[in-house]
Amino acid sequence: MRKLFLFSFLLLFAVYSIGQNKVERFCKINITYSKHNEVIELDYGNKASFSILRDSSFLSKMEEVKNLKNGIEAINFMIDLGWEFVSIVNHNSSINPGQLNRDYIYFKGFFDK
């Protein structure tokens, strides 16, 4: 019985310890629609907030989203990088016809410190 209790305690401690080495980060993709194309921009806030990530090539990989042709490709690309879709907000210009339509797509990710 003692061995089972000790094993359960050590397993719980190991799972808890592993979970403490993760950090949560958010980013946003801005998609601006015009008659002829979609412009994709990436906003992840301050680069310093990502400096704790071990993989220094990660931010340069994320920047590739700007070269994609449409919003669906951008969403799939971010999910493939390990980001989780949070929400999408549409800014519709039907109220102000001189403005462009925009989508703001929010993602969150959990990364090792």
PDB file of N, CA and C in Angstrom:
ATOM      1  N   MET A   1       0.821  -1.192   0.000  1.00  0.00           N
ATOM      2  CA  MET A   1       0.000   0.000   0.000  1.00  0.00           C
ATOM      3  C   MET A   1       0.868   1.261   0.000  1.00  0.00           C
ATOM      4  N   ARG A   2       1.967   1.215   0.782  1.00  0.00           N
ATOM      5  CA  ARG A   2       2.867   2.359   0.834  1.00  0.00           C
ATOM      6  C   ARG A   2       3.498   2.628  -0.535  1.00  0.00           C
ATOM      7  N   LYS A   3       3.867   1.557  -1.223  1.00  0.00           N
ATOM      8  CA  LYS A   3       4.497   1.713  -2.528  1.00  0.00           C
ATOM      9  C   LYS A   3       3.525   2.360  -3.519  1.00  0.00           C
ATOM     10  N   LEU A   4       2.275   1.960  -3.476  1.00  0.00           N
ATOM     11  CA  LEU A   4       1.260   2.534  -4.362  1.00  0.00           C
ATOM     12  C   LEU A   4       1.073   4.020  -4.053  1.00  0.00           C
ATOM     13  N   PHE A   5       1.007   4.362  -2.766  1.00  0.00           N
ATOM     14  CA  PHE A   5       0.862   5.757  -2.373  1.00  0.00           C
ATOM     15  C   PHE A   5       2.077   6.569  -2.821  1.00  0.00           C
ATOM     16  N   LEU A   6       3.268   6.043  -2.589  1.00  0.00           N
ATOM     17  CA  LEU A   6       4.497   6.742  -2.974  1.00  0.00           C
ATOM     18  C   LEU A   6       4.569   6.918  -4.485  1.00  0.00           C
ATOM     19  N   PHE A   7       4.232   5.880  -5.234  1.00  0.00           N
ATOM     20  CA  PHE A   7       4.236   5.964  -6.699  1.00  0.00           C
ATOM     21  C   PHE A   7       3.235   7.013  -7.183  1.00  0.00           C
ATOM     22  N   SER A   8       2.034   7.030  -6.614  1.00  0.00           N
ATOM     23  CA  SER A   8       1.010   8.011  -7.002  1.00  0.00           C
ATOM     24  C   SER A   8       1.476   9.430  -6.699  1.00  0.00           C
ATOM     25  N   PHE A   9       2.094   9.615  -5.547  1.00  0.00           N
ATOM     26  CA  PHE A   9       2.595  10.936  -5.172  1.00  0.00           C
ATOM     27  C   PHE A   9       3.693  11.402  -6.134  1.00  0.00           C
ATOM     28  N   LEU A  10       4.625  10.535  -6.446  1.00  0.00           N
ATOM     29  CA  LEU A  10       5.712  10.898  -7.362  1.00  0.00           C
ATOM     30  C   LEU A  10       5.188  11.194  -8.765  1.00  0.00           C
ATOM     31  N   LEU A  11       4.218  10.422  -9.212  1.00  0.00           N
ATOM     32  CA  LEU A  11       3.627  10.655 -10.528  1.00  0.00           C
ATOM     33  C   LEU A  11       2.913  12.006 -10.564  1.00  0.00           C
ATOM     34  N   LEU A  12       2.159  12.312  -9.539  1.00  0.00           N
ATOM     35  CA  LEU A  12       1.470  13.599  -9.459  1.00  0.00           C
ATOM     36  C   LEU A  12       2.479  14.742  -9.418  1.00  0.00           C
ATOM     37  N   PHE A  13       3.541  14.603  -8.656  1.00  0.00           N
ATOM     38  CA  PHE A  13       4.575  15.630  -8.573  1.00  0.00           C
ATOM     39  C   PHE A  13       5.266  15.826  -9.924  1.00  0.00           C
ATOM     40  N   ALA A  14       5.532  14.745 -10.640  1.00  0.00           N
ATOM     41  CA  ALA A  14       6.193  14.842 -11.944  1.00  0.00           C
ATOM     42  C   ALA A  14       5.308  15.562 -12.950  1.00  0.00           C
ATOM     43  N   VAL A  15       4.025  15.249 -12.983  1.00  0.00           N
ATOM     44  CA  VAL A  15       3.091  15.903 -13.901  1.00  0.00           C
ATOM     45  C   VAL A  15       2.978  17.379 -13.558  1.00  0.00           C
ATOM     46  N   TYR A  16       2.905  17.703 -12.280  1.00  0.00           N
ATOM     47  CA  TYR A  16       2.811  19.097 -11.855  1.00  0.00           C
ATOM     48  C   TYR A  16       4.078  19.858 -12.234  1.00  0.00           C
ATOM     49  N   SER A  17       5.224  19.255 -12.064  1.00  0.00           N
ATOM     50  CA  SER A  17       6.492  19.912 -12.378  1.00  0.00           C
ATOM     51  C   SER A  17       6.634  20.181 -13.861  1.00  0.00           C
ATOM     52  N   ILE A  18       6.225  19.246 -14.678  1.00  0.00           N
ATOM     53  CA  ILE A  18       6.307  19.431 -16.126  1.00  0.00           C
ATOM     54  C   ILE A  18       5.397  20.568 -16.560  1.00  0.00           C
ATOM     55  N   GLY A  19       4.218  20.656 -15.976  1.00  0.00           N
ATOM     56  CA  GLY A  19       3.262  21.692 -16.334  1.00  0.00           C
ATOM     57  C   GLY A  19       3.742  23.094 -15.993  1.00  0.00           C
ATOM     58  N   GLN A  20       4.666  23.225 -15.073  1.00  0.00           N
ATOM     59  CA  GLN A  20       5.144  24.526 -14.655  1.00  0.00           C
ATOM     60  C   GLN A  20       6.123  25.136 -15.654  1.00  0.00           C
ATOM     61  N   ASN A  21       6.589  24.381 -16.602  1.00  0.00           N
ATOM     62  CA  ASN A  21       7.572  24.882 -17.557  1.00  0.00           C
ATOM     63  C   ASN A  21       6.930  25.400 -18.834  1.00  0.00           C
ATOM     64  N   LYS A  22       5.655  25.637 -18.822  1.00  0.00           N
ATOM     65  CA  LYS A  22       4.940  26.150 -19.989  1.00  0.00           C
ATOM     66  C   LYS A  22       4.580  27.610 -19.776  1.00  0.00           C
ATOM     67  N   VAL A  23       4.546  28.340 -20.872  1.00  0.00           N
ATOM     68  CA  VAL A  23       4.137  29.735 -20.821  1.00  0.00           C
ATOM     69  C   VAL A  23       3.083  29.947 -21.908  1.00  0.00           C
ATOM     70  N   GLU A  24       2.059  30.727 -21.599  1.00  0.00           N
ATOM     71  CA  GLU A  24       0.972  30.981 -22.534  1.00  0.00           C
ATOM     72  C   GLU A  24       1.223  32.311 -23.243  1.00  0.00           C
ATOM     73  N   ARG A  25       1.083  32.309 -24.565  1.00  0.00           N
ATOM     74  CA  ARG A  25       1.267  33.514 -25.371  1.00  0.00           C
ATOM     75  C   ARG A  25       0.107  33.644 -26.353  1.00  0.00           C
ATOM     76  N   PHE A  26      -0.183  34.891 -26.742  1.00  0.00           N
ATOM     77  CA  PHE A  26      -1.265  35.173 -27.681  1.00  0.00           C
ATOM     78  C   PHE A  26      -0.710  35.916 -28.886  1.00  0.00           C
ATOM     79  N   CYS A  27      -1.386  35.764 -30.012  1.00  0.00           N
ATOM     80  CA  CYS A  27      -1.041  36.544 -31.193  1.00  0.00           C
ATOM     81  C   CYS A  27      -2.316  36.792 -31.992  1.00  0.00           C
ATOM     82  N   LYS A  28      -2.207  37.711 -32.946  1.00  0.00           N
ATOM     83  CA  LYS A  28      -3.363  38.106 -33.752  1.00  0.00           C
ATOM     84  C   LYS A  28      -2.923  38.229 -35.203  1.00  0.00           C
ATOM     85  N   ILE A  29      -3.767  37.752 -36.095  1.00  0.00           N
ATOM     86  CA  ILE A  29      -3.565  37.955 -37.530  1.00  0.00           C
ATOM     87  C   ILE A  29      -4.594  38.977 -37.987  1.00  0.00           C
ATOM     88  N   ASN A  30      -4.122  40.012 -38.654  1.00  0.00           N
ATOM     89  CA  ASN A  30      -4.997  41.027 -39.233  1.00  0.00           C
ATOM     90  C   ASN A  30      -5.079  40.758 -40.728  1.00  0.00           C
ATOM     91  N   ILE A  31      -6.286  40.592 -41.226  1.00  0.00           N
ATOM     92  CA  ILE A  31      -6.484  40.381 -42.664  1.00  0.00           C
ATOM     93  C   ILE A  31      -7.317  41.542 -43.189  1.00  0.00           C
ATOM     94  N   THR A  32      -6.756  42.265 -44.134  1.00  0.00           N
ATOM     95  CA  THR A  32      -7.448  43.390 -44.752  1.00  0.00           C
ATOM     96  C   THR A  32      -7.856  42.965 -46.155  1.00  0.00           C
ATOM     97  N   TYR A  33      -9.141  43.131 -46.456  1.00  0.00           N
ATOM     98  CA  TYR A  33      -9.695  42.709 -47.745  1.00  0.00           C
ATOM     99  C   TYR A  33      -9.907  43.924 -48.643  1.00  0.00           C
ATOM    100  N   SER A  34      -9.439  43.810 -49.856  1.00  0.00           N
ATOM    101  CA  SER A  34      -9.761  44.819 -50.863  1.00  0.00           C
ATOM    102  C   SER A  34     -10.407  44.087 -52.034  1.00  0.00           C
ATOM    103  N   LYS A  35     -10.709  44.798 -53.091  1.00  0.00           N
ATOM    104  CA  LYS A  35     -11.365  44.163 -54.240  1.00  0.00           C
ATOM    105  C   LYS A  35     -10.486  43.107 -54.891  1.00  0.00           C
ATOM    106  N   HIS A  36      -9.171  43.276 -54.819  1.00  0.00           N
ATOM    107  CA  HIS A  36      -8.293  42.411 -55.589  1.00  0.00           C
ATOM    108  C   HIS A  36      -7.425  41.464 -54.769  1.00  0.00           C
ATOM    109  N   ASN A  37      -7.265  41.717 -53.483  1.00  0.00           N
ATOM    110  CA  ASN A  37      -6.396  40.829 -52.712  1.00  0.00           C
ATOM    111  C   ASN A  37      -6.690  40.903 -51.217  1.00  0.00           C
ATOM    112  N   GLU A  38      -5.973  40.079 -50.462  1.00  0.00           N
ATOM    113  CA  GLU A  38      -6.029  40.071 -49.009  1.00  0.00           C
ATOM    114  C   GLU A  38      -4.623  40.346 -48.499  1.00  0.00           C
ATOM    115  N   VAL A  39      -4.501  41.277 -47.587  1.00  0.00           N
ATOM    116  CA  VAL A  39      -3.209  41.581 -46.980  1.00  0.00           C
ATOM    117  C   VAL A  39      -3.213  40.999 -45.568  1.00  0.00           C
ATOM    118  N   ILE A  40      -2.211  40.174 -45.276  1.00  0.00           N
ATOM    119  CA  ILE A  40      -2.136  39.494 -43.988  1.00  0.00           C
ATOM    120  C   ILE A  40      -0.985  40.091 -43.182  1.00  0.00           C
ATOM    121  N   GLU A  41      -1.290  40.481 -41.960  1.00  0.00           N
ATOM    122  CA  GLU A  41      -0.288  41.017 -41.046  1.00  0.00           C
ATOM    123  C   GLU A  41      -0.322  40.204 -39.758  1.00  0.00           C
ATOM    124  N   LEU A  42       0.807  40.106 -39.103  1.00  0.00           N
ATOM    125  CA  LEU A  42       0.920  39.357 -37.861  1.00  0.00           C
ATOM    126  C   LEU A  42       1.233  40.314 -36.718  1.00  0.00           C
ATOM    127  N   ASP A  43       0.513  40.167 -35.614  1.00  0.00           N
ATOM    128  CA  ASP A  43       0.747  40.990 -34.435  1.00  0.00           C
ATOM    129  C   ASP A  43       0.907  40.068 -33.238  1.00  0.00           C
ATOM    130  N   TYR A  44       2.115  40.010 -32.688  1.00  0.00           N
ATOM    131  CA  TYR A  44       2.333  39.201 -31.487  1.00  0.00           C
ATOM    132  C   TYR A  44       2.822  40.058 -30.339  1.00  0.00           C
ATOM    133  N   GLY A  45       2.584  41.355 -30.453  1.00  0.00           N
ATOM    134  CA  GLY A  45       2.946  42.254 -29.366  1.00  0.00           C
ATOM    135  C   GLY A  45       4.436  42.515 -29.332  1.00  0.00           C
ATOM    136  N   ASN A  46       4.955  42.593 -28.152  1.00  0.00           N
ATOM    137  CA  ASN A  46       6.363  42.890 -27.933  1.00  0.00           C
ATOM    138  C   ASN A  46       7.207  41.646 -28.165  1.00  0.00           C
ATOM    139  N   LYS A  47       8.242  41.748 -28.994  1.00  0.00           N
ATOM    140  CA  LYS A  47       9.123  40.600 -29.245  1.00  0.00           C
ATOM    141  C   LYS A  47       9.763  40.099 -27.963  1.00  0.00           C
ATOM    142  N   ALA A  48       9.943  40.964 -26.996  1.00  0.00           N
ATOM    143  CA  ALA A  48      10.563  40.559 -25.736  1.00  0.00           C
ATOM    144  C   ALA A  48       9.722  39.517 -25.004  1.00  0.00           C
ATOM    145  N   SER A  49       8.406  39.538 -25.212  1.00  0.00           N
ATOM    146  CA  SER A  49       7.560  38.545 -24.543  1.00  0.00           C
ATOM    147  C   SER A  49       7.788  37.147 -25.102  1.00  0.00           C
ATOM    148  N   PHE A  50       8.410  37.059 -26.282  1.00  0.00           N
ATOM    149  CA  PHE A  50       8.719  35.760 -26.865  1.00  0.00           C
ATOM    150  C   PHE A  50      10.191  35.391 -26.677  1.00  0.00           C
ATOM    151  N   SER A  51      10.961  36.230 -26.014  1.00  0.00           N
ATOM    152  CA  SER A  51      12.387  35.960 -25.859  1.00  0.00           C
ATOM    153  C   SER A  51      12.656  34.761 -24.965  1.00  0.00           C
ATOM    154  N   ILE A  52      11.666  34.351 -24.184  1.00  0.00           N
ATOM    155  CA  ILE A  52      11.878  33.203 -23.306  1.00  0.00           C
ATOM    156  C   ILE A  52      11.770  31.883 -24.057  1.00  0.00           C
ATOM    157  N   LEU A  53      11.289  31.932 -25.284  1.00  0.00           N
ATOM    158  CA  LEU A  53      11.156  30.695 -26.041  1.00  0.00           C
ATOM    159  C   LEU A  53      12.531  30.187 -26.448  1.00  0.00           C
ATOM    160  N   ARG A  54      12.702  28.903 -26.373  1.00  0.00           N
ATOM    161  CA  ARG A  54      14.011  28.306 -26.647  1.00  0.00           C
ATOM    162  C   ARG A  54      14.363  28.327 -28.126  1.00  0.00           C
ATOM    163  N   ASP A  55      13.396  28.186 -28.991  1.00  0.00           N
ATOM    164  CA  ASP A  55      13.658  28.090 -30.420  1.00  0.00           C
ATOM    165  C   ASP A  55      13.676  29.496 -31.021  1.00  0.00           C
ATOM    166  N   SER A  56      14.850  29.999 -31.316  1.00  0.00           N
ATOM    167  CA  SER A  56      14.965  31.365 -31.831  1.00  0.00           C
ATOM    168  C   SER A  56      14.429  31.496 -33.253  1.00  0.00           C
ATOM    169  N   SER A  57      14.306  30.411 -33.979  1.00  0.00           N
ATOM    170  CA  SER A  57      13.785  30.477 -35.347  1.00  0.00           C
ATOM    171  C   SER A  57      12.257  30.517 -35.378  1.00  0.00           C
ATOM    172  N   PHE A  58      11.636  30.394 -34.217  1.00  0.00           N
ATOM    173  CA  PHE A  58      10.176  30.327 -34.175  1.00  0.00           C
ATOM    174  C   PHE A  58       9.533  31.614 -34.684  1.00  0.00           C
ATOM    175  N   LEU A  59      10.046  32.760 -34.245  1.00  0.00           N
ATOM    176  CA  LEU A  59       9.460  34.030 -34.681  1.00  0.00           C
ATOM    177  C   LEU A  59       9.628  34.236 -36.176  1.00  0.00           C
ATOM    178  N   SER A  60      10.772  33.861 -36.719  1.00  0.00           N
ATOM    179  CA  SER A  60      10.959  34.009 -38.170  1.00  0.00           C
ATOM    180  C   SER A  60      10.029  33.076 -38.926  1.00  0.00           C
ATOM    181  N   LYS A  61       9.758  31.907 -38.375  1.00  0.00           N
ATOM    182  CA  LYS A  61       8.798  30.985 -38.996  1.00  0.00           C
ATOM    183  C   LYS A  61       7.397  31.598 -38.972  1.00  0.00           C
ATOM    184  N   MET A  62       7.034  32.234 -37.862  1.00  0.00           N
ATOM    185  CA  MET A  62       5.716  32.866 -37.763  1.00  0.00           C
ATOM    186  C   MET A  62       5.563  33.991 -38.786  1.00  0.00           C
ATOM    187  N   GLU A  63       6.631  34.707 -39.060  1.00  0.00           N
ATOM    188  CA  GLU A  63       6.582  35.827 -39.996  1.00  0.00           C
ATOM    189  C   GLU A  63       6.200  35.368 -41.404  1.00  0.00           C
ATOM    190  N   GLU A  64       6.386  34.093 -41.708  1.00  0.00           N
ATOM    191  CA  GLU A  64       6.031  33.565 -43.032  1.00  0.00           C
ATOM    192  C   GLU A  64       4.539  33.666 -43.314  1.00  0.00           C
ATOM    193  N   VAL A  65       3.728  33.839 -42.277  1.00  0.00           N
ATOM    194  CA  VAL A  65       2.283  33.953 -42.460  1.00  0.00           C
ATOM    195  C   VAL A  65       1.948  35.147 -43.359  1.00  0.00           C
ATOM    196  N   LYS A  66       2.801  36.174 -43.345  1.00  0.00           N
ATOM    197  CA  LYS A  66       2.555  37.367 -44.154  1.00  0.00           C
ATOM    198  C   LYS A  66       2.630  37.081 -45.658  1.00  0.00           C
ATOM    199  N   ASN A  67       3.296  35.990 -46.041  1.00  0.00           N
ATOM    200  CA  ASN A  67       3.470  35.659 -47.449  1.00  0.00           C
ATOM    201  C   ASN A  67       2.348  34.780 -48.005  1.00  0.00           C
ATOM    202  N   LEU A  68       1.415  34.397 -47.158  1.00  0.00           N
ATOM    203  CA  LEU A  68       0.333  33.524 -47.609  1.00  0.00           C
ATOM    204  C   LEU A  68      -0.705  34.321 -48.388  1.00  0.00           C
ATOM    205  N   LYS A  69      -1.509  33.622 -49.172  1.00  0.00           N
ATOM    206  CA  LYS A  69      -2.414  34.290 -50.106  1.00  0.00           C
ATOM    207  C   LYS A  69      -3.775  34.640 -49.530  1.00  0.00           C
ATOM    208  N   ASN A  70      -4.226  33.895 -48.519  1.00  0.00           N
ATOM    209  CA  ASN A  70      -5.562  34.178 -47.978  1.00  0.00           C
ATOM    210  C   ASN A  70      -5.662  33.776 -46.514  1.00  0.00           C
ATOM    211  N   GLY A  71      -6.770  34.155 -45.905  1.00  0.00           N
ATOM    212  CA  GLY A  71      -6.981  33.922 -44.487  1.00  0.00           C
ATOM    213  C   GLY A  71      -7.041  32.455 -44.092  1.00  0.00           C
ATOM    214  N   ILE A  72      -7.616  31.629 -44.940  1.00  0.00           N
ATOM    215  CA  ILE A  72      -7.708  30.198 -44.625  1.00  0.00           C
ATOM    216  C   ILE A  72      -6.315  29.582 -44.550  1.00  0.00           C
ATOM    217  N   GLU A  73      -5.445  29.939 -45.498  1.00  0.00           N
ATOM    218  CA  GLU A  73      -4.066  29.453 -45.451  1.00  0.00           C
ATOM    219  C   GLU A  73      -3.380  29.925 -44.170  1.00  0.00           C
ATOM    220  N   ALA A  74      -3.644  31.159 -43.771  1.00  0.00           N
ATOM    221  CA  ALA A  74      -3.035  31.716 -42.568  1.00  0.00           C
ATOM    222  C   ALA A  74      -3.498  30.973 -41.318  1.00  0.00           C
ATOM    223  N   ILE A  75      -4.790  30.687 -41.227  1.00  0.00           N
ATOM    224  CA  ILE A  75      -5.305  29.943 -40.071  1.00  0.00           C
ATOM    225  C   ILE A  75      -4.689  28.555 -40.010  1.00  0.00           C
ATOM    226  N   ASN A  76      -4.678  27.851 -41.134  1.00  0.00           N
ATOM    227  CA  ASN A  76      -4.092  26.508 -41.161  1.00  0.00           C
ATOM    228  C   ASN A  76      -2.605  26.545 -40.818  1.00  0.00           C
ATOM    229  N   PHE A  77      -1.909  27.536 -41.312  1.00  0.00           N
ATOM    230  CA  PHE A  77      -0.477  27.676 -41.042  1.00  0.00           C
ATOM    231  C   PHE A  77      -0.229  27.842 -39.545  1.00  0.00           C
ATOM    232  N   MET A  78      -0.996  28.705 -38.898  1.00  0.00           N
ATOM    233  CA  MET A  78      -0.812  28.949 -37.472  1.00  0.00           C
ATOM    234  C   MET A  78      -1.152  27.705 -36.643  1.00  0.00           C
ATOM    235  N   ILE A  79      -2.188  26.992 -37.039  1.00  0.00           N
ATOM    236  CA  ILE A  79      -2.548  25.763 -36.330  1.00  0.00           C
ATOM    237  C   ILE A  79      -1.445  24.724 -36.503  1.00  0.00           C
ATOM    238  N   ASP A  80      -0.871  24.643 -37.696  1.00  0.00           N
ATOM    239  CA  ASP A  80       0.237  23.712 -37.922  1.00  0.00           C
ATOM    240  C   ASP A  80       1.460  24.057 -37.074  1.00  0.00           C
ATOM    241  N   LEU A  81       1.624  25.334 -36.739  1.00  0.00           N
ATOM    242  CA  LEU A  81       2.728  25.752 -35.870  1.00  0.00           C
ATOM    243  C   LEU A  81       2.449  25.476 -34.394  1.00  0.00           C
ATOM    244  N   GLY A  82       1.235  25.029 -34.096  1.00  0.00           N
ATOM    245  CA  GLY A  82       0.902  24.690 -32.714  1.00  0.00           C
ATOM    246  C   GLY A  82       0.028  25.703 -32.001  1.00  0.00           C
ATOM    247  N   TRP A  83      -0.407  26.735 -32.702  1.00  0.00           N
ATOM    248  CA  TRP A  83      -1.291  27.731 -32.102  1.00  0.00           C
ATOM    249  C   TRP A  83      -2.718  27.208 -32.070  1.00  0.00           C
ATOM    250  N   GLU A  84      -3.475  27.631 -31.092  1.00  0.00           N
ATOM    251  CA  GLU A  84      -4.883  27.247 -30.932  1.00  0.00           C
ATOM    252  C   GLU A  84      -5.762  28.444 -31.283  1.00  0.00           C
ATOM    253  N   PHE A  85      -6.737  28.226 -32.152  1.00  0.00           N
ATOM    254  CA  PHE A  85      -7.668  29.281 -32.550  1.00  0.00           C
ATOM    255  C   PHE A  85      -8.490  29.698 -31.339  1.00  0.00           C
ATOM    256  N   VAL A  86      -8.615  31.020 -31.109  1.00  0.00           N
ATOM    257  CA  VAL A  86      -9.404  31.535 -29.993  1.00  0.00           C
ATOM    258  C   VAL A  86     -10.691  32.168 -30.503  1.00  0.00           C
ATOM    259  N   SER A  87     -10.569  33.167 -31.383  1.00  0.00           N
ATOM    260  CA  SER A  87     -11.772  33.824 -31.896  1.00  0.00           C
ATOM    261  C   SER A  87     -11.430  34.638 -33.139  1.00  0.00           C
ATOM    262  N   ILE A  88     -12.493  35.102 -33.778  1.00  0.00           N
ATOM    263  CA  ILE A  88     -12.344  35.971 -34.936  1.00  0.00           C
ATOM    264  C   ILE A  88     -13.304  37.141 -34.782  1.00  0.00           C
ATOM    265  N   VAL A  89     -12.833  38.327 -35.111  1.00  0.00           N
ATOM    266  CA  VAL A  89     -13.648  39.535 -35.049  1.00  0.00           C
ATOM    267  C   VAL A  89     -13.620  40.165 -36.424  1.00  0.00           C
ATOM    268  N   ASN A  90     -14.790  40.501 -36.947  1.00  0.00           N
ATOM    269  CA  ASN A  90     -14.887  41.120 -38.263  1.00  0.00           C
ATOM    270  C   ASN A  90     -15.210  42.595 -38.107  1.00  0.00           C
ATOM    271  N   HIS A  91     -14.455  43.406 -38.808  1.00  0.00           N
ATOM    272  CA  HIS A  91     -14.735  44.835 -38.862  1.00  0.00           C
ATOM    273  C   HIS A  91     -15.292  45.099 -40.248  1.00  0.00           C
ATOM    274  N   ASN A  92     -16.591  45.216 -40.341  1.00  0.00           N
ATOM    275  CA  ASN A  92     -17.275  45.354 -41.618  1.00  0.00           C
ATOM    276  C   ASN A  92     -17.395  46.824 -41.981  1.00  0.00           C
ATOM    277  N   SER A  93     -17.042  47.148 -43.211  1.00  0.00           N
ATOM    278  CA  SER A  93     -17.062  48.543 -43.636  1.00  0.00           C
ATOM    279  C   SER A  93     -18.384  48.949 -44.281  1.00  0.00           C
ATOM    280  N   SER A  94     -19.421  48.138 -44.151  1.00  0.00           N
ATOM    281  CA  SER A  94     -20.696  48.505 -44.769  1.00  0.00           C
ATOM    282  C   SER A  94     -21.269  49.782 -44.132  1.00  0.00           C
ATOM    283  N   ILE A  95     -20.874  50.045 -42.892  1.00  0.00           N
ATOM    284  CA  ILE A  95     -21.324  51.262 -42.230  1.00  0.00           C
ATOM    285  C   ILE A  95     -20.593  52.469 -42.818  1.00  0.00           C
ATOM    286  N   ASN A  96     -19.296  52.313 -43.037  1.00  0.00           N
ATOM    287  CA  ASN A  96     -18.455  53.363 -43.614  1.00  0.00           C
ATOM    288  C   ASN A  96     -17.860  52.839 -44.920  1.00  0.00           C
ATOM    289  N   PRO A  97     -18.508  53.065 -46.042  1.00  0.00           N
ATOM    290  CA  PRO A  97     -18.064  52.473 -47.307  1.00  0.00           C
ATOM    291  C   PRO A  97     -16.644  52.825 -47.721  1.00  0.00           C
ATOM    292  N   GLY A  98     -16.057  53.900 -47.214  1.00  0.00           N
ATOM    293  CA  GLY A  98     -14.702  54.265 -47.593  1.00  0.00           C
ATOM    294  C   GLY A  98     -13.644  53.408 -46.915  1.00  0.00           C
ATOM    295  N   GLN A  99     -14.020  52.624 -45.890  1.00  0.00           N
ATOM    296  CA  GLN A  99     -13.064  51.803 -45.164  1.00  0.00           C
ATOM    297  C   GLN A  99     -13.034  50.389 -45.734  1.00  0.00           C
ATOM    298  N   LEU A 100     -11.957  49.681 -45.451  1.00  0.00           N
ATOM    299  CA  LEU A 100     -11.810  48.304 -45.910  1.00  0.00           C
ATOM    300  C   LEU A 100     -12.370  47.337 -44.878  1.00  0.00           C
ATOM    301  N   ASN A 101     -12.735  46.143 -45.353  1.00  0.00           N
ATOM    302  CA  ASN A 101     -13.145  45.080 -44.435  1.00  0.00           C
ATOM    303  C   ASN A 101     -11.905  44.469 -43.808  1.00  0.00           C
ATOM    304  N   ARG A 102     -12.007  44.126 -42.534  1.00  0.00           N
ATOM    305  CA  ARG A 102     -10.887  43.513 -41.830  1.00  0.00           C
ATOM    306  C   ARG A 102     -11.390  42.382 -40.948  1.00  0.00           C
ATOM    307  N   ASP A 103     -10.573  41.343 -40.856  1.00  0.00           N
ATOM    308  CA  ASP A 103     -10.774  40.276 -39.879  1.00  0.00           C
ATOM    309  C   ASP A 103      -9.597  40.286 -38.925  1.00  0.00           C
ATOM    310  N   TYR A 104      -9.883  40.096 -37.651  1.00  0.00           N
ATOM    311  CA  TYR A 104      -8.860  39.958 -36.629  1.00  0.00           C
ATOM    312  C   TYR A 104      -9.012  38.549 -36.060  1.00  0.00           C
ATOM    313  N   ILE A 105      -7.997  37.737 -36.242  1.00  0.00           N
ATOM    314  CA  ILE A 105      -8.061  36.339 -35.819  1.00  0.00           C
ATOM    315  C   ILE A 105      -7.078  36.143 -34.675  1.00  0.00           C
ATOM    316  N   TYR A 106      -7.591  35.685 -33.538  1.00  0.00           N
ATOM    317  CA  TYR A 106      -6.787  35.542 -32.327  1.00  0.00           C
ATOM    318  C   TYR A 106      -6.432  34.084 -32.090  1.00  0.00           C
ATOM    319  N   PHE A 107      -5.173  33.872 -31.668  1.00  0.00           N
ATOM    320  CA  PHE A 107      -4.653  32.535 -31.362  1.00  0.00           C
ATOM    321  C   PHE A 107      -3.959  32.577 -30.015  1.00  0.00           C
ATOM    322  N   LYS A 108      -3.883  31.405 -29.375  1.00  0.00           N
ATOM    323  CA  LYS A 108      -3.061  31.282 -28.184  1.00  0.00           C
ATOM    324  C   LYS A 108      -2.225  30.016 -28.308  1.00  0.00           C
ATOM    325  N   GLY A 109      -1.091  30.054 -27.645  1.00  0.00           N
ATOM    326  CA  GLY A 109      -0.199  28.909 -27.675  1.00  0.00           C
ATOM    327  C   GLY A 109       0.467  28.714 -26.330  1.00  0.00           C
ATOM    328  N   PHE A 110       0.823  27.481 -26.055  1.00  0.00           N
ATOM    329  CA  PHE A 110       1.554  27.137 -24.838  1.00  0.00           C
ATOM    330  C   PHE A 110       2.924  26.644 -25.268  1.00  0.00           C
ATOM    331  N   PHE A 111       3.948  27.245 -24.710  1.00  0.00           N
ATOM    332  CA  PHE A 111       5.299  26.955 -25.142  1.00  0.00           C
ATOM    333  C   PHE A 111       6.185  26.635 -23.945  1.00  0.00           C
ATOM    334  N   ASP A 112       7.215  25.833 -24.188  1.00  0.00           N
ATOM    335  CA  ASP A 112       8.208  25.547 -23.150  1.00  0.00           C
ATOM    336  C   ASP A 112       9.024  26.791 -22.882  1.00  0.00           C
ATOM    337  N   LYS A 113       9.365  26.985 -21.631  1.00  0.00           N
ATOM    338  CA  LYS A 113      10.222  28.114 -21.271  1.00  0.00           C
ATOM    339  C   LYS A 113      11.638  27.834 -21.713  1.00  0.00           C
TER     340      LYS A 113
END
